[in-house]
């Protein structure tokens, strides 16, 4: 069809530098590389070692530590 565009595929990318995150960013934290927690960044430390996530599932606010091996992913176009 003329004028229509196909949906662009999306995927996820790992956020290597947690200091690049900002409050309000929607992310998924993979706790111990297995358990996903999706939600919005509520706050983070200046050094990016700790984030607080407002979980989308209604699970409240939760703290995650980079040193625990948690991985953060974001949707990538």
C-alpha atoms as a PDB file:
ATOM      1  CA  UNK A   1       0.000   0.000   0.000  1.00  0.00           C
ATOM      2  CA  UNK A   2       1.249   3.443  -0.838  1.00  0.00           C
ATOM      3  CA  UNK A   3       2.075   5.632   2.134  1.00  0.00           C
ATOM      4  CA  UNK A   4       2.066   2.850   4.716  1.00  0.00           C
ATOM      5  CA  UNK A   5       5.132   1.820   6.632  1.00  0.00           C
ATOM      6  CA  UNK A   6       5.871  -1.563   8.038  1.00  0.00           C
ATOM      7  CA  UNK A   7       6.305  -1.779  11.804  1.00  0.00           C
ATOM      8  CA  UNK A   8       9.929  -1.599  12.782  1.00  0.00           C
ATOM      9  CA  UNK A   9      11.253  -4.587  14.681  1.00  0.00           C
ATOM     10  CA  UNK A  10      12.156  -3.896  18.265  1.00  0.00           C
ATOM     11  CA  UNK A  11      14.410  -5.671  20.657  1.00  0.00           C
ATOM     12  CA  UNK A  12      16.197  -5.023  23.867  1.00  0.00           C
ATOM     13  CA  UNK A  13      19.658  -3.753  24.615  1.00  0.00           C
ATOM     14  CA  UNK A  14      21.657  -4.073  27.797  1.00  0.00           C
ATOM     15  CA  UNK A  15      22.470  -0.838  29.604  1.00  0.00           C
ATOM     16  CA  UNK A  16      26.162  -1.188  30.454  1.00  0.00           C
ATOM     17  CA  UNK A  17      26.450   2.211  32.161  1.00  0.00           C
ATOM     18  CA  UNK A  18      23.731   2.621  34.788  1.00  0.00           C
ATOM     19  CA  UNK A  19      24.642   6.305  35.177  1.00  0.00           C
ATOM     20  CA  UNK A  20      23.092   6.815  31.710  1.00  0.00           C
ATOM     21  CA  UNK A  21      19.665   6.009  33.180  1.00  0.00           C
ATOM     22  CA  UNK A  22      17.295   8.737  34.304  1.00  0.00           C
ATOM     23  CA  UNK A  23      14.246   8.771  36.564  1.00  0.00           C
ATOM     24  CA  UNK A  24      11.194   7.946  34.454  1.00  0.00           C
ATOM     25  CA  UNK A  25      13.024   5.587  32.070  1.00  0.00           C
ATOM     26  CA  UNK A  26      11.092   2.339  31.504  1.00  0.00           C
ATOM     27  CA  UNK A  27      13.446  -0.626  31.903  1.00  0.00           C
ATOM     28  CA  UNK A  28      13.537  -4.318  32.710  1.00  0.00           C
ATOM     29  CA  UNK A  29      15.895  -5.517  35.415  1.00  0.00           C
ATOM     30  CA  UNK A  30      16.978  -9.129  35.084  1.00  0.00           C
ATOM     31  CA  UNK A  31      17.689 -10.189  38.634  1.00  0.00           C
ATOM     32  CA  UNK A  32      20.439 -12.807  38.621  1.00  0.00           C
ATOM     33  CA  UNK A  33      19.915 -12.968  34.832  1.00  0.00           C
ATOM     34  CA  UNK A  34      16.632 -14.846  35.272  1.00  0.00           C
ATOM     35  CA  UNK A  35      13.827 -13.021  37.084  1.00  0.00           C
ATOM     36  CA  UNK A  36      12.511  -9.991  35.108  1.00  0.00           C
ATOM     37  CA  UNK A  37      11.182  -6.890  36.854  1.00  0.00           C
ATOM     38  CA  UNK A  38       9.815  -4.199  34.514  1.00  0.00           C
ATOM     39  CA  UNK A  39       9.010  -0.678  35.553  1.00  0.00           C
ATOM     40  CA  UNK A  40      10.125   2.914  35.759  1.00  0.00           C
ATOM     41  CA  UNK A  41      13.348   4.175  37.293  1.00  0.00           C
ATOM     42  CA  UNK A  42      12.312   6.115  40.404  1.00  0.00           C
ATOM     43  CA  UNK A  43      15.810   7.153  41.453  1.00  0.00           C
ATOM     44  CA  UNK A  44      19.439   6.073  41.250  1.00  0.00           C
ATOM     45  CA  UNK A  45      22.704   6.839  42.983  1.00  0.00           C
ATOM     46  CA  UNK A  46      25.093   9.283  41.352  1.00  0.00           C
ATOM     47  CA  UNK A  47      27.638   6.511  40.752  1.00  0.00           C
ATOM     48  CA  UNK A  48      24.957   4.299  39.149  1.00  0.00           C
ATOM     49  CA  UNK A  49      25.497   1.368  41.500  1.00  0.00           C
ATOM     50  CA  UNK A  50      21.952   1.343  42.926  1.00  0.00           C
ATOM     51  CA  UNK A  51      18.585   1.984  41.279  1.00  0.00           C
ATOM     52  CA  UNK A  52      15.076   2.129  42.679  1.00  0.00           C
ATOM     53  CA  UNK A  53      12.414   0.727  40.376  1.00  0.00           C
ATOM     54  CA  UNK A  54       8.660   1.351  40.520  1.00  0.00           C
ATOM     55  CA  UNK A  55       7.481  -2.008  39.241  1.00  0.00           C
ATOM     56  CA  UNK A  56       4.839  -2.013  36.524  1.00  0.00           C
ATOM     57  CA  UNK A  57       3.206  -5.120  37.978  1.00  0.00           C
ATOM     58  CA  UNK A  58       2.074  -3.151  41.005  1.00  0.00           C
ATOM     59  CA  UNK A  59       4.769  -4.698  43.155  1.00  0.00           C
ATOM     60  CA  UNK A  60       5.805  -1.366  44.631  1.00  0.00           C
ATOM     61  CA  UNK A  61       9.264   0.159  44.776  1.00  0.00           C
ATOM     62  CA  UNK A  62      12.336  -2.057  44.803  1.00  0.00           C
ATOM     63  CA  UNK A  63      16.071  -1.465  45.069  1.00  0.00           C
ATOM     64  CA  UNK A  64      18.559  -3.218  42.775  1.00  0.00           C
ATOM     65  CA  UNK A  65      22.332  -3.351  43.175  1.00  0.00           C
ATOM     66  CA  UNK A  66      24.713  -3.489  40.234  1.00  0.00           C
ATOM     67  CA  UNK A  67      27.215  -5.513  42.300  1.00  0.00           C
ATOM     68  CA  UNK A  68      24.633  -8.320  42.604  1.00  0.00           C
ATOM     69  CA  UNK A  69      25.007  -8.965  38.881  1.00  0.00           C
ATOM     70  CA  UNK A  70      21.588  -7.571  37.980  1.00  0.00           C
ATOM     71  CA  UNK A  71      21.267  -6.602  34.308  1.00  0.00           C
ATOM     72  CA  UNK A  72      19.167  -3.704  33.013  1.00  0.00           C
ATOM     73  CA  UNK A  73      17.684  -3.748  29.530  1.00  0.00           C
ATOM     74  CA  UNK A  74      15.741  -1.139  27.556  1.00  0.00           C
ATOM     75  CA  UNK A  75      13.641  -1.390  24.433  1.00  0.00           C
ATOM     76  CA  UNK A  76      15.726  -0.629  21.362  1.00  0.00           C
ATOM     77  CA  UNK A  77      14.147   0.465  18.054  1.00  0.00           C
END
